[in-house]
Amino acid sequence: MDLRNSEGKPVDPVPFLVVTLLAFLLIYAFGPLYLQAFGVSVDHGLVVCTAVFIPTAVAAYYQFVWTHRPERRGIVTAGQRFGRLWYGLLILVALSLLLSLPFVFR
C-alpha cells in the first residue's frame, strides 16, 4: 500500500491501519450489543455503528496519513509523548466509565 501525505511524501501505512482496524473491531464488536441494551434493533445498531466508524476512519486517515510530517518526529520529546499517552489512557478510562453508567443504574 503506497500512501502519501498532502506533500506527496510516502507515509508508513501501519499506524493508520492499526487505528482503523482497532476502531472497526471495537465499534462493531460492542456497538450493536450496547445499543441493543437500549432497545435498538441489531439492524439499526449496525447502521449506527457504520455511521460512527466512517468518520473515525476518515479522522485516522487525516491524522496518520494526510497531515503526517516525518521530520516532526525528532521535535517531540519522549516526555511529551509519554504525557500524551497518559492523557489518552485517562480519557479511555473516563469513556469506559461513562459508557458503563447506563448498566449500573438499570
PDB file of N, CA and C in Angstrom:
ATOM      1  N   MET A   1       0.849  -1.155   0.000  1.00  0.00           N
ATOM      2  CA  MET A   1       0.000   0.000   0.000  1.00  0.00           C
ATOM      3  C   MET A   1       0.905   1.232   0.000  1.00  0.00           C
ATOM      4  N   ASP A   2       0.721   2.076  -0.964  1.00  0.00           N
ATOM      5  CA  ASP A   2       1.554   3.266  -1.104  1.00  0.00           C
ATOM      6  C   ASP A   2       0.726   4.488  -0.736  1.00  0.00           C
ATOM      7  N   LEU A   3       0.795   4.898   0.526  1.00  0.00           N
ATOM      8  CA  LEU A   3       0.077   6.076   0.982  1.00  0.00           C
ATOM      9  C   LEU A   3       1.008   7.281   0.964  1.00  0.00           C
ATOM     10  N   ARG A   4       0.473   8.420   0.576  1.00  0.00           N
ATOM     11  CA  ARG A   4       1.269   9.647   0.525  1.00  0.00           C
ATOM     12  C   ARG A   4       0.539  10.746   1.283  1.00  0.00           C
ATOM     13  N   ASN A   5       1.318  11.614   1.931  1.00  0.00           N
ATOM     14  CA  ASN A   5       0.718  12.717   2.668  1.00  0.00           C
ATOM     15  C   ASN A   5       0.360  13.855   1.712  1.00  0.00           C
ATOM     16  N   SER A   6      -0.058  14.979   2.263  1.00  0.00           N
ATOM     17  CA  SER A   6      -0.509  16.090   1.421  1.00  0.00           C
ATOM     18  C   SER A   6       0.621  16.704   0.597  1.00  0.00           C
ATOM     19  N   GLU A   7       1.859  16.469   0.999  1.00  0.00           N
ATOM     20  CA  GLU A   7       3.009  16.969   0.243  1.00  0.00           C
ATOM     21  C   GLU A   7       3.514  15.960  -0.781  1.00  0.00           C
ATOM     22  N   GLY A   8       2.920  14.780  -0.837  1.00  0.00           N
ATOM     23  CA  GLY A   8       3.316  13.760  -1.788  1.00  0.00           C
ATOM     24  C   GLY A   8       4.413  12.830  -1.296  1.00  0.00           C
ATOM     25  N   LYS A   9       4.821  12.967  -0.042  1.00  0.00           N
ATOM     26  CA  LYS A   9       5.860  12.097   0.513  1.00  0.00           C
ATOM     27  C   LYS A   9       5.248  10.784   0.979  1.00  0.00           C
ATOM     28  N   PRO A  10       5.965   9.664   0.798  1.00  0.00           N
ATOM     29  CA  PRO A  10       5.411   8.378   1.253  1.00  0.00           C
ATOM     30  C   PRO A  10       5.300   8.327   2.772  1.00  0.00           C
ATOM     31  N   VAL A  11       4.234   7.653   3.228  1.00  0.00           N
ATOM     32  CA  VAL A  11       3.928   7.543   4.651  1.00  0.00           C
ATOM     33  C   VAL A  11       3.768   6.065   4.997  1.00  0.00           C
ATOM     34  N   ASP A  12       4.242   5.688   6.173  1.00  0.00           N
ATOM     35  CA  ASP A  12       4.083   4.318   6.659  1.00  0.00           C
ATOM     36  C   ASP A  12       2.601   4.052   6.929  1.00  0.00           C
ATOM     37  N   PRO A  13       2.005   3.041   6.303  1.00  0.00           N
ATOM     38  CA  PRO A  13       0.573   2.807   6.482  1.00  0.00           C
ATOM     39  C   PRO A  13       0.212   2.068   7.767  1.00  0.00           C
ATOM     40  N   VAL A  14       1.191   1.535   8.483  1.00  0.00           N
ATOM     41  CA  VAL A  14       0.887   0.683   9.638  1.00  0.00           C
ATOM     42  C   VAL A  14       0.118   1.424  10.736  1.00  0.00           C
ATOM     43  N   PRO A  15       0.506   2.628  11.181  1.00  0.00           N
ATOM     44  CA  PRO A  15      -0.286   3.286  12.228  1.00  0.00           C
ATOM     45  C   PRO A  15      -1.737   3.534  11.816  1.00  0.00           C
ATOM     46  N   PHE A  16      -1.930   3.960  10.583  1.00  0.00           N
ATOM     47  CA  PHE A  16      -3.294   4.180  10.094  1.00  0.00           C
ATOM     48  C   PHE A  16      -4.097   2.887  10.101  1.00  0.00           C
ATOM     49  N   LEU A  17      -3.498   1.811   9.608  1.00  0.00           N
ATOM     50  CA  LEU A  17      -4.208   0.535   9.567  1.00  0.00           C
ATOM     51  C   LEU A  17      -4.506   0.007  10.958  1.00  0.00           C
ATOM     52  N   VAL A  18      -3.579   0.138  11.880  1.00  0.00           N
ATOM     53  CA  VAL A  18      -3.804  -0.355  13.248  1.00  0.00           C
ATOM     54  C   VAL A  18      -4.958   0.400  13.897  1.00  0.00           C
ATOM     55  N   VAL A  19      -4.943   1.709  13.806  1.00  0.00           N
ATOM     56  CA  VAL A  19      -6.002   2.502  14.436  1.00  0.00           C
ATOM     57  C   VAL A  19      -7.349   2.229  13.777  1.00  0.00           C
ATOM     58  N   THR A  20      -7.383   2.172  12.461  1.00  0.00           N
ATOM     59  CA  THR A  20      -8.641   1.947  11.757  1.00  0.00           C
ATOM     60  C   THR A  20      -9.201   0.550  12.040  1.00  0.00           C
ATOM     61  N   LEU A  21      -8.358  -0.456  12.004  1.00  0.00           N
ATOM     62  CA  LEU A  21      -8.842  -1.809  12.258  1.00  0.00           C
ATOM     63  C   LEU A  21      -9.228  -2.017  13.725  1.00  0.00           C
ATOM     64  N   LEU A  22      -8.518  -1.384  14.639  1.00  0.00           N
ATOM     65  CA  LEU A  22      -8.913  -1.454  16.049  1.00  0.00           C
ATOM     66  C   LEU A  22     -10.250  -0.754  16.269  1.00  0.00           C
ATOM     67  N   ALA A  23     -10.447   0.378  15.626  1.00  0.00           N
ATOM     68  CA  ALA A  23     -11.731   1.071  15.733  1.00  0.00           C
ATOM     69  C   ALA A  23     -12.846   0.212  15.167  1.00  0.00           C
ATOM     70  N   PHE A  24     -12.588  -0.426  14.027  1.00  0.00           N
ATOM     71  CA  PHE A  24     -13.586  -1.325  13.437  1.00  0.00           C
ATOM     72  C   PHE A  24     -13.934  -2.451  14.403  1.00  0.00           C
ATOM     73  N   LEU A  25     -12.918  -3.044  14.988  1.00  0.00           N
ATOM     74  CA  LEU A  25     -13.130  -4.149  15.925  1.00  0.00           C
ATOM     75  C   LEU A  25     -13.961  -3.712  17.122  1.00  0.00           C
ATOM     76  N   LEU A  26     -13.602  -2.612  17.731  1.00  0.00           N
ATOM     77  CA  LEU A  26     -14.311  -2.166  18.922  1.00  0.00           C
ATOM     78  C   LEU A  26     -15.726  -1.694  18.614  1.00  0.00           C
ATOM     79  N   ILE A  27     -15.890  -0.940  17.549  1.00  0.00           N
ATOM     80  CA  ILE A  27     -17.208  -0.393  17.228  1.00  0.00           C
ATOM     81  C   ILE A  27     -18.188  -1.503  16.861  1.00  0.00           C
ATOM     82  N   TYR A  28     -17.768  -2.436  16.021  1.00  0.00           N
ATOM     83  CA  TYR A  28     -18.697  -3.474  15.589  1.00  0.00           C
ATOM     84  C   TYR A  28     -18.821  -4.622  16.583  1.00  0.00           C
ATOM     85  N   ALA A  29     -17.870  -4.776  17.488  1.00  0.00           N
ATOM     86  CA  ALA A  29     -17.984  -5.834  18.489  1.00  0.00           C
ATOM     87  C   ALA A  29     -18.903  -5.414  19.632  1.00  0.00           C
ATOM     88  N   PHE A  30     -18.777  -4.179  20.074  1.00  0.00           N
ATOM     89  CA  PHE A  30     -19.545  -3.744  21.232  1.00  0.00           C
ATOM     90  C   PHE A  30     -20.709  -2.825  20.899  1.00  0.00           C
ATOM     91  N   GLY A  31     -20.655  -2.140  19.786  1.00  0.00           N
ATOM     92  CA  GLY A  31     -21.695  -1.173  19.441  1.00  0.00           C
ATOM     93  C   GLY A  31     -23.091  -1.746  19.334  1.00  0.00           C
ATOM     94  N   PRO A  32     -23.320  -2.771  18.510  1.00  0.00           N
ATOM     95  CA  PRO A  32     -24.679  -3.302  18.399  1.00  0.00           C
ATOM     96  C   PRO A  32     -25.214  -3.869  19.716  1.00  0.00           C
ATOM     97  N   LEU A  33     -24.353  -4.521  20.492  1.00  0.00           N
ATOM     98  CA  LEU A  33     -24.800  -5.057  21.779  1.00  0.00           C
ATOM     99  C   LEU A  33     -25.150  -3.940  22.754  1.00  0.00           C
ATOM    100  N   TYR A  34     -24.349  -2.903  22.772  1.00  0.00           N
ATOM    101  CA  TYR A  34     -24.603  -1.764  23.646  1.00  0.00           C
ATOM    102  C   TYR A  34     -25.914  -1.083  23.256  1.00  0.00           C
ATOM    103  N   LEU A  35     -26.113  -0.878  21.974  1.00  0.00           N
ATOM    104  CA  LEU A  35     -27.344  -0.237  21.518  1.00  0.00           C
ATOM    105  C   LEU A  35     -28.555  -1.139  21.722  1.00  0.00           C
ATOM    106  N   GLN A  36     -28.351  -2.439  21.642  1.00  0.00           N
ATOM    107  CA  GLN A  36     -29.447  -3.379  21.862  1.00  0.00           C
ATOM    108  C   GLN A  36     -29.927  -3.312  23.313  1.00  0.00           C
ATOM    109  N   ALA A  37     -29.043  -2.989  24.222  1.00  0.00           N
ATOM    110  CA  ALA A  37     -29.437  -2.832  25.625  1.00  0.00           C
ATOM    111  C   ALA A  37     -30.387  -1.654  25.806  1.00  0.00           C
ATOM    112  N   PHE A  38     -30.381  -0.712  24.875  1.00  0.00           N
ATOM    113  CA  PHE A  38     -31.286   0.432  24.918  1.00  0.00           C
ATOM    114  C   PHE A  38     -32.512   0.238  24.042  1.00  0.00           C
ATOM    115  N   GLY A  39     -32.705  -0.970  23.519  1.00  0.00           N
ATOM    116  CA  GLY A  39     -33.889  -1.262  22.740  1.00  0.00           C
ATOM    117  C   GLY A  39     -33.748  -1.016  21.245  1.00  0.00           C
ATOM    118  N   VAL A  40     -32.546  -0.750  20.767  1.00  0.00           N
ATOM    119  CA  VAL A  40     -32.319  -0.542  19.335  1.00  0.00           C
ATOM    120  C   VAL A  40     -32.132  -1.907  18.689  1.00  0.00           C
ATOM    121  N   SER A  41     -32.765  -2.129  17.549  1.00  0.00           N
ATOM    122  CA  SER A  41     -32.617  -3.420  16.876  1.00  0.00           C
ATOM    123  C   SER A  41     -31.194  -3.576  16.339  1.00  0.00           C
ATOM    124  N   VAL A  42     -30.839  -4.819  16.051  1.00  0.00           N
ATOM    125  CA  VAL A  42     -29.486  -5.092  15.565  1.00  0.00           C
ATOM    126  C   VAL A  42     -29.252  -4.419  14.213  1.00  0.00           C
ATOM    127  N   ASP A  43     -30.270  -4.418  13.351  1.00  0.00           N
ATOM    128  CA  ASP A  43     -30.127  -3.773  12.036  1.00  0.00           C
ATOM    129  C   ASP A  43     -29.829  -2.282  12.182  1.00  0.00           C
ATOM    130  N   HIS A  44     -30.579  -1.606  13.014  1.00  0.00           N
ATOM    131  CA  HIS A  44     -30.341  -0.180  13.225  1.00  0.00           C
ATOM    132  C   HIS A  44     -29.019   0.045  13.964  1.00  0.00           C
ATOM    133  N   GLY A  45     -28.668  -0.874  14.843  1.00  0.00           N
ATOM    134  CA  GLY A  45     -27.391  -0.768  15.545  1.00  0.00           C
ATOM    135  C   GLY A  45     -26.210  -0.840  14.583  1.00  0.00           C
ATOM    136  N   LEU A  46     -26.299  -1.708  13.591  1.00  0.00           N
ATOM    137  CA  LEU A  46     -25.229  -1.797  12.596  1.00  0.00           C
ATOM    138  C   LEU A  46     -25.138  -0.528  11.752  1.00  0.00           C
ATOM    139  N   VAL A  47     -26.286   0.072  11.449  1.00  0.00           N
ATOM    140  CA  VAL A  47     -26.278   1.332  10.702  1.00  0.00           C
ATOM    141  C   VAL A  47     -25.617   2.426  11.538  1.00  0.00           C
ATOM    142  N   VAL A  48     -25.948   2.484  12.822  1.00  0.00           N
ATOM    143  CA  VAL A  48     -25.341   3.484  13.706  1.00  0.00           C
ATOM    144  C   VAL A  48     -23.842   3.235  13.826  1.00  0.00           C
ATOM    145  N   CYS A  49     -23.446   1.973  13.954  1.00  0.00           N
ATOM    146  CA  CYS A  49     -22.023   1.647  14.056  1.00  0.00           C
ATOM    147  C   CYS A  49     -21.278   2.049  12.788  1.00  0.00           C
ATOM    148  N   THR A  50     -21.890   1.852  11.652  1.00  0.00           N
ATOM    149  CA  THR A  50     -21.271   2.276  10.396  1.00  0.00           C
ATOM    150  C   THR A  50     -21.158   3.791  10.341  1.00  0.00           C
ATOM    151  N   ALA A  51     -22.197   4.484  10.830  1.00  0.00           N
ATOM    152  CA  ALA A  51     -22.164   5.941  10.848  1.00  0.00           C
ATOM    153  C   ALA A  51     -21.102   6.472  11.814  1.00  0.00           C
ATOM    154  N   VAL A  52     -20.745   5.689  12.806  1.00  0.00           N
ATOM    155  CA  VAL A  52     -19.679   6.090  13.734  1.00  0.00           C
ATOM    156  C   VAL A  52     -18.310   5.703  13.169  1.00  0.00           C
ATOM    157  N   PHE A  53     -18.228   4.544  12.514  1.00  0.00           N
ATOM    158  CA  PHE A  53     -16.935   4.052  12.029  1.00  0.00           C
ATOM    159  C   PHE A  53     -16.379   4.887  10.875  1.00  0.00           C
ATOM    160  N   ILE A  54     -17.218   5.299   9.957  1.00  0.00           N
ATOM    161  CA  ILE A  54     -16.727   6.024   8.776  1.00  0.00           C
ATOM    162  C   ILE A  54     -16.017   7.328   9.167  1.00  0.00           C
ATOM    163  N   PRO A  55     -16.605   8.185  10.006  1.00  0.00           N
ATOM    164  CA  PRO A  55     -15.845   9.384  10.407  1.00  0.00           C
ATOM    165  C   PRO A  55     -14.591   9.053  11.215  1.00  0.00           C
ATOM    166  N   THR A  56     -14.631   7.960  11.963  1.00  0.00           N
ATOM    167  CA  THR A  56     -13.446   7.540  12.707  1.00  0.00           C
ATOM    168  C   THR A  56     -12.318   7.168  11.756  1.00  0.00           C
ATOM    169  N   ALA A  57     -12.635   6.422  10.708  1.00  0.00           N
ATOM    170  CA  ALA A  57     -11.623   6.044   9.723  1.00  0.00           C
ATOM    171  C   ALA A  57     -11.108   7.261   8.961  1.00  0.00           C
ATOM    172  N   VAL A  58     -11.997   8.187   8.646  1.00  0.00           N
ATOM    173  CA  VAL A  58     -11.572   9.413   7.953  1.00  0.00           C
ATOM    174  C   VAL A  58     -10.653  10.246   8.851  1.00  0.00           C
ATOM    175  N   ALA A  59     -10.998  10.347  10.140  1.00  0.00           N
ATOM    176  CA  ALA A  59     -10.152  11.096  11.075  1.00  0.00           C
ATOM    177  C   ALA A  59      -8.787  10.430  11.230  1.00  0.00           C
ATOM    178  N   ALA A  60      -8.759   9.096  11.264  1.00  0.00           N
ATOM    179  CA  ALA A  60      -7.478   8.390  11.353  1.00  0.00           C
ATOM    180  C   ALA A  60      -6.647   8.623  10.105  1.00  0.00           C
ATOM    181  N   TYR A  61      -7.270   8.608   8.936  1.00  0.00           N
ATOM    182  CA  TYR A  61      -6.544   8.872   7.697  1.00  0.00           C
ATOM    183  C   TYR A  61      -5.970  10.289   7.711  1.00  0.00           C
ATOM    184  N   TYR A  62      -6.782  11.233   8.138  1.00  0.00           N
ATOM    185  CA  TYR A  62      -6.325  12.622   8.176  1.00  0.00           C
ATOM    186  C   TYR A  62      -5.145  12.782   9.141  1.00  0.00           C
ATOM    187  N   GLN A  63      -5.245  12.154  10.313  1.00  0.00           N
ATOM    188  CA  GLN A  63      -4.206  12.299  11.326  1.00  0.00           C
ATOM    189  C   GLN A  63      -2.925  11.552  10.971  1.00  0.00           C
ATOM    190  N   PHE A  64      -3.041  10.297  10.515  1.00  0.00           N
ATOM    191  CA  PHE A  64      -1.866   9.446  10.343  1.00  0.00           C
ATOM    192  C   PHE A  64      -1.309   9.405   8.927  1.00  0.00           C
ATOM    193  N   VAL A  65      -2.046   9.931   7.970  1.00  0.00           N
ATOM    194  CA  VAL A  65      -1.550   9.911   6.589  1.00  0.00           C
ATOM    195  C   VAL A  65      -1.485  11.330   6.024  1.00  0.00           C
ATOM    196  N   TRP A  66      -2.609  12.000   5.920  1.00  0.00           N
ATOM    197  CA  TRP A  66      -2.679  13.259   5.193  1.00  0.00           C
ATOM    198  C   TRP A  66      -1.820  14.350   5.821  1.00  0.00           C
ATOM    199  N   THR A  67      -1.838  14.494   7.146  1.00  0.00           N
ATOM    200  CA  THR A  67      -1.093  15.560   7.808  1.00  0.00           C
ATOM    201  C   THR A  67       0.205  15.070   8.434  1.00  0.00           C
ATOM    202  N   HIS A  68       0.597  13.844   8.171  1.00  0.00           N
ATOM    203  CA  HIS A  68       1.812  13.287   8.776  1.00  0.00           C
ATOM    204  C   HIS A  68       3.053  13.977   8.222  1.00  0.00           C
ATOM    205  N   ARG A  69       3.932  14.380   9.116  1.00  0.00           N
ATOM    206  CA  ARG A  69       5.204  15.000   8.738  1.00  0.00           C
ATOM    207  C   ARG A  69       6.334  14.205   9.372  1.00  0.00           C
ATOM    208  N   PRO A  70       7.073  13.417   8.586  1.00  0.00           N
ATOM    209  CA  PRO A  70       8.146  12.586   9.156  1.00  0.00           C
ATOM    210  C   PRO A  70       9.224  13.395   9.866  1.00  0.00           C
ATOM    211  N   GLU A  71       9.455  14.609   9.442  1.00  0.00           N
ATOM    212  CA  GLU A  71      10.524  15.407  10.052  1.00  0.00           C
ATOM    213  C   GLU A  71      10.166  15.902  11.451  1.00  0.00           C
ATOM    214  N   ARG A  72       8.908  15.858  11.842  1.00  0.00           N
ATOM    215  CA  ARG A  72       8.495  16.320  13.166  1.00  0.00           C
ATOM    216  C   ARG A  72       8.813  15.328  14.267  1.00  0.00           C
ATOM    217  N   ARG A  73       9.109  14.107  13.952  1.00  0.00           N
ATOM    218  CA  ARG A  73       9.318  13.088  14.975  1.00  0.00           C
ATOM    219  C   ARG A  73      10.448  13.468  15.925  1.00  0.00           C
ATOM    220  N   GLY A  74      11.506  14.073  15.434  1.00  0.00           N
ATOM    221  CA  GLY A  74      12.624  14.465  16.285  1.00  0.00           C
ATOM    222  C   GLY A  74      12.297  15.639  17.185  1.00  0.00           C
ATOM    223  N   ILE A  75      11.291  16.425  16.848  1.00  0.00           N
ATOM    224  CA  ILE A  75      10.941  17.601  17.629  1.00  0.00           C
ATOM    225  C   ILE A  75      10.201  17.216  18.912  1.00  0.00           C
ATOM    226  N   VAL A  76       9.353  16.211  18.857  1.00  0.00           N
ATOM    227  CA  VAL A  76       8.556  15.803  20.004  1.00  0.00           C
ATOM    228  C   VAL A  76       9.421  14.945  20.922  1.00  0.00           C
ATOM    229  N   THR A  77       9.556  15.378  22.161  1.00  0.00           N
ATOM    230  CA  THR A  77      10.405  14.652  23.105  1.00  0.00           C
ATOM    231  C   THR A  77       9.672  13.439  23.671  1.00  0.00           C
ATOM    232  N   ALA A  78      10.435  12.559  24.295  1.00  0.00           N
ATOM    233  CA  ALA A  78       9.841  11.361  24.896  1.00  0.00           C
ATOM    234  C   ALA A  78       8.889  11.731  26.024  1.00  0.00           C
ATOM    235  N   GLY A  79       9.210  12.764  26.770  1.00  0.00           N
ATOM    236  CA  GLY A  79       8.330  13.215  27.848  1.00  0.00           C
ATOM    237  C   GLY A  79       6.986  13.695  27.335  1.00  0.00           C
ATOM    238  N   GLN A  80       7.008  14.404  26.221  1.00  0.00           N
ATOM    239  CA  GLN A  80       5.754  14.866  25.626  1.00  0.00           C
ATOM    240  C   GLN A  80       4.927  13.691  25.113  1.00  0.00           C
ATOM    241  N   ARG A  81       5.592  12.719  24.511  1.00  0.00           N
ATOM    242  CA  ARG A  81       4.869  11.540  24.027  1.00  0.00           C
ATOM    243  C   ARG A  81       4.267  10.762  25.185  1.00  0.00           C
ATOM    244  N   PHE A  82       5.020  10.630  26.293  1.00  0.00           N
ATOM    245  CA  PHE A  82       4.504   9.927  27.461  1.00  0.00           C
ATOM    246  C   PHE A  82       3.311  10.675  28.051  1.00  0.00           C
ATOM    247  N   GLY A  83       3.371  11.996  28.069  1.00  0.00           N
ATOM    248  CA  GLY A  83       2.248  12.792  28.566  1.00  0.00           C
ATOM    249  C   GLY A  83       0.997  12.593  27.735  1.00  0.00           C
ATOM    250  N   ARG A  84       1.162  12.557  26.434  1.00  0.00           N
ATOM    251  CA  ARG A  84       0.012  12.317  25.559  1.00  0.00           C
ATOM    252  C   ARG A  84      -0.555  10.919  25.766  1.00  0.00           C
ATOM    253  N   LEU A  85       0.316   9.952  25.986  1.00  0.00           N
ATOM    254  CA  LEU A  85      -0.135   8.589  26.258  1.00  0.00           C
ATOM    255  C   LEU A  85      -0.910   8.540  27.569  1.00  0.00           C
ATOM    256  N   TRP A  86      -0.407   9.221  28.586  1.00  0.00           N
ATOM    257  CA  TRP A  86      -1.064   9.246  29.889  1.00  0.00           C
ATOM    258  C   TRP A  86      -2.447   9.885  29.781  1.00  0.00           C
ATOM    259  N   TYR A  87      -2.558  11.030  29.098  1.00  0.00           N
ATOM    260  CA  TYR A  87      -3.853  11.672  28.924  1.00  0.00           C
ATOM    261  C   TYR A  87      -4.803  10.805  28.090  1.00  0.00           C
ATOM    262  N   GLY A  88      -4.271  10.113  27.118  1.00  0.00           N
ATOM    263  CA  GLY A  88      -5.100   9.198  26.335  1.00  0.00           C
ATOM    264  C   GLY A  88      -5.658   8.077  27.186  1.00  0.00           C
ATOM    265  N   LEU A  89      -4.848   7.532  28.074  1.00  0.00           N
ATOM    266  CA  LEU A  89      -5.330   6.487  28.981  1.00  0.00           C
ATOM    267  C   LEU A  89      -6.398   7.023  29.927  1.00  0.00           C
ATOM    268  N   LEU A  90      -6.214   8.226  30.441  1.00  0.00           N
ATOM    269  CA  LEU A  90      -7.228   8.821  31.315  1.00  0.00           C
ATOM    270  C   LEU A  90      -8.553   9.030  30.574  1.00  0.00           C
ATOM    271  N   ILE A  91      -8.470   9.469  29.336  1.00  0.00           N
ATOM    272  CA  ILE A  91      -9.677   9.656  28.537  1.00  0.00           C
ATOM    273  C   ILE A  91     -10.350   8.315  28.271  1.00  0.00           C
ATOM    274  N   LEU A  92      -9.572   7.281  27.998  1.00  0.00           N
ATOM    275  CA  LEU A  92     -10.129   5.958  27.756  1.00  0.00           C
ATOM    276  C   LEU A  92     -10.835   5.415  29.000  1.00  0.00           C
ATOM    277  N   VAL A  93     -10.252   5.599  30.169  1.00  0.00           N
ATOM    278  CA  VAL A  93     -10.890   5.151  31.410  1.00  0.00           C
ATOM    279  C   VAL A  93     -12.176   5.939  31.659  1.00  0.00           C
ATOM    280  N   ALA A  94     -12.132   7.249  31.466  1.00  0.00           N
ATOM    281  CA  ALA A  94     -13.325   8.073  31.666  1.00  0.00           C
ATOM    282  C   ALA A  94     -14.431   7.687  30.691  1.00  0.00           C
ATOM    283  N   LEU A  95     -14.069   7.409  29.451  1.00  0.00           N
ATOM    284  CA  LEU A  95     -15.054   6.993  28.458  1.00  0.00           C
ATOM    285  C   LEU A  95     -15.652   5.636  28.815  1.00  0.00           C
ATOM    286  N   SER A  96     -14.834   4.722  29.300  1.00  0.00           N
ATOM    287  CA  SER A  96     -15.335   3.411  29.719  1.00  0.00           C
ATOM    288  C   SER A  96     -16.309   3.550  30.878  1.00  0.00           C
ATOM    289  N   LEU A  97     -15.976   4.385  31.837  1.00  0.00           N
ATOM    290  CA  LEU A  97     -16.889   4.608  32.960  1.00  0.00           C
ATOM    291  C   LEU A  97     -18.181   5.266  32.500  1.00  0.00           C
ATOM    292  N   LEU A  98     -18.080   6.213  31.609  1.00  0.00           N
ATOM    293  CA  LEU A  98     -19.261   6.885  31.094  1.00  0.00           C
ATOM    294  C   LEU A  98     -20.174   5.920  30.341  1.00  0.00           C
ATOM    295  N   LEU A  99     -19.580   5.041  29.546  1.00  0.00           N
ATOM    296  CA  LEU A  99     -20.373   4.076  28.793  1.00  0.00           C
ATOM    297  C   LEU A  99     -20.983   2.995  29.670  1.00  0.00           C
ATOM    298  N   SER A 100     -20.410   2.760  30.845  1.00  0.00           N
ATOM    299  CA  SER A 100     -20.951   1.730  31.728  1.00  0.00           C
ATOM    300  C   SER A 100     -22.038   2.266  32.660  1.00  0.00           C
ATOM    301  N   LEU A 101     -22.209   3.570  32.756  1.00  0.00           N
ATOM    302  CA  LEU A 101     -23.211   4.142  33.647  1.00  0.00           C
ATOM    303  C   LEU A 101     -24.638   3.645  33.392  1.00  0.00           C
ATOM    304  N   PRO A 102     -25.086   3.539  32.163  1.00  0.00           N
ATOM    305  CA  PRO A 102     -26.461   3.046  31.964  1.00  0.00           C
ATOM    306  C   PRO A 102     -26.672   1.632  32.488  1.00  0.00           C
ATOM    307  N   PHE A 103     -25.644   0.820  32.515  1.00  0.00           N
ATOM    308  CA  PHE A 103     -25.797  -0.545  33.003  1.00  0.00           C
ATOM    309  C   PHE A 103     -25.739  -0.615  34.532  1.00  0.00           C
ATOM    310  N   VAL A 104     -25.092   0.349  35.149  1.00  0.00           N
ATOM    311  CA  VAL A 104     -25.004   0.376  36.608  1.00  0.00           C
ATOM    312  C   VAL A 104     -26.332   0.811  37.221  1.00  0.00           C
ATOM    313  N   PHE A 105     -26.959   1.815  36.634  1.00  0.00           N
ATOM    314  CA  PHE A 105     -28.196   2.366  37.189  1.00  0.00           C
ATOM    315  C   PHE A 105     -29.449   1.791  36.541  1.00  0.00           C
ATOM    316  N   ARG A 106     -29.379   0.593  36.100  1.00  0.00           N
ATOM    317  CA  ARG A 106     -30.510  -0.061  35.455  1.00  0.00           C
ATOM    318  C   ARG A 106     -31.445  -0.641  36.437  1.00  0.00           C
TER     319      ARG A 106
END
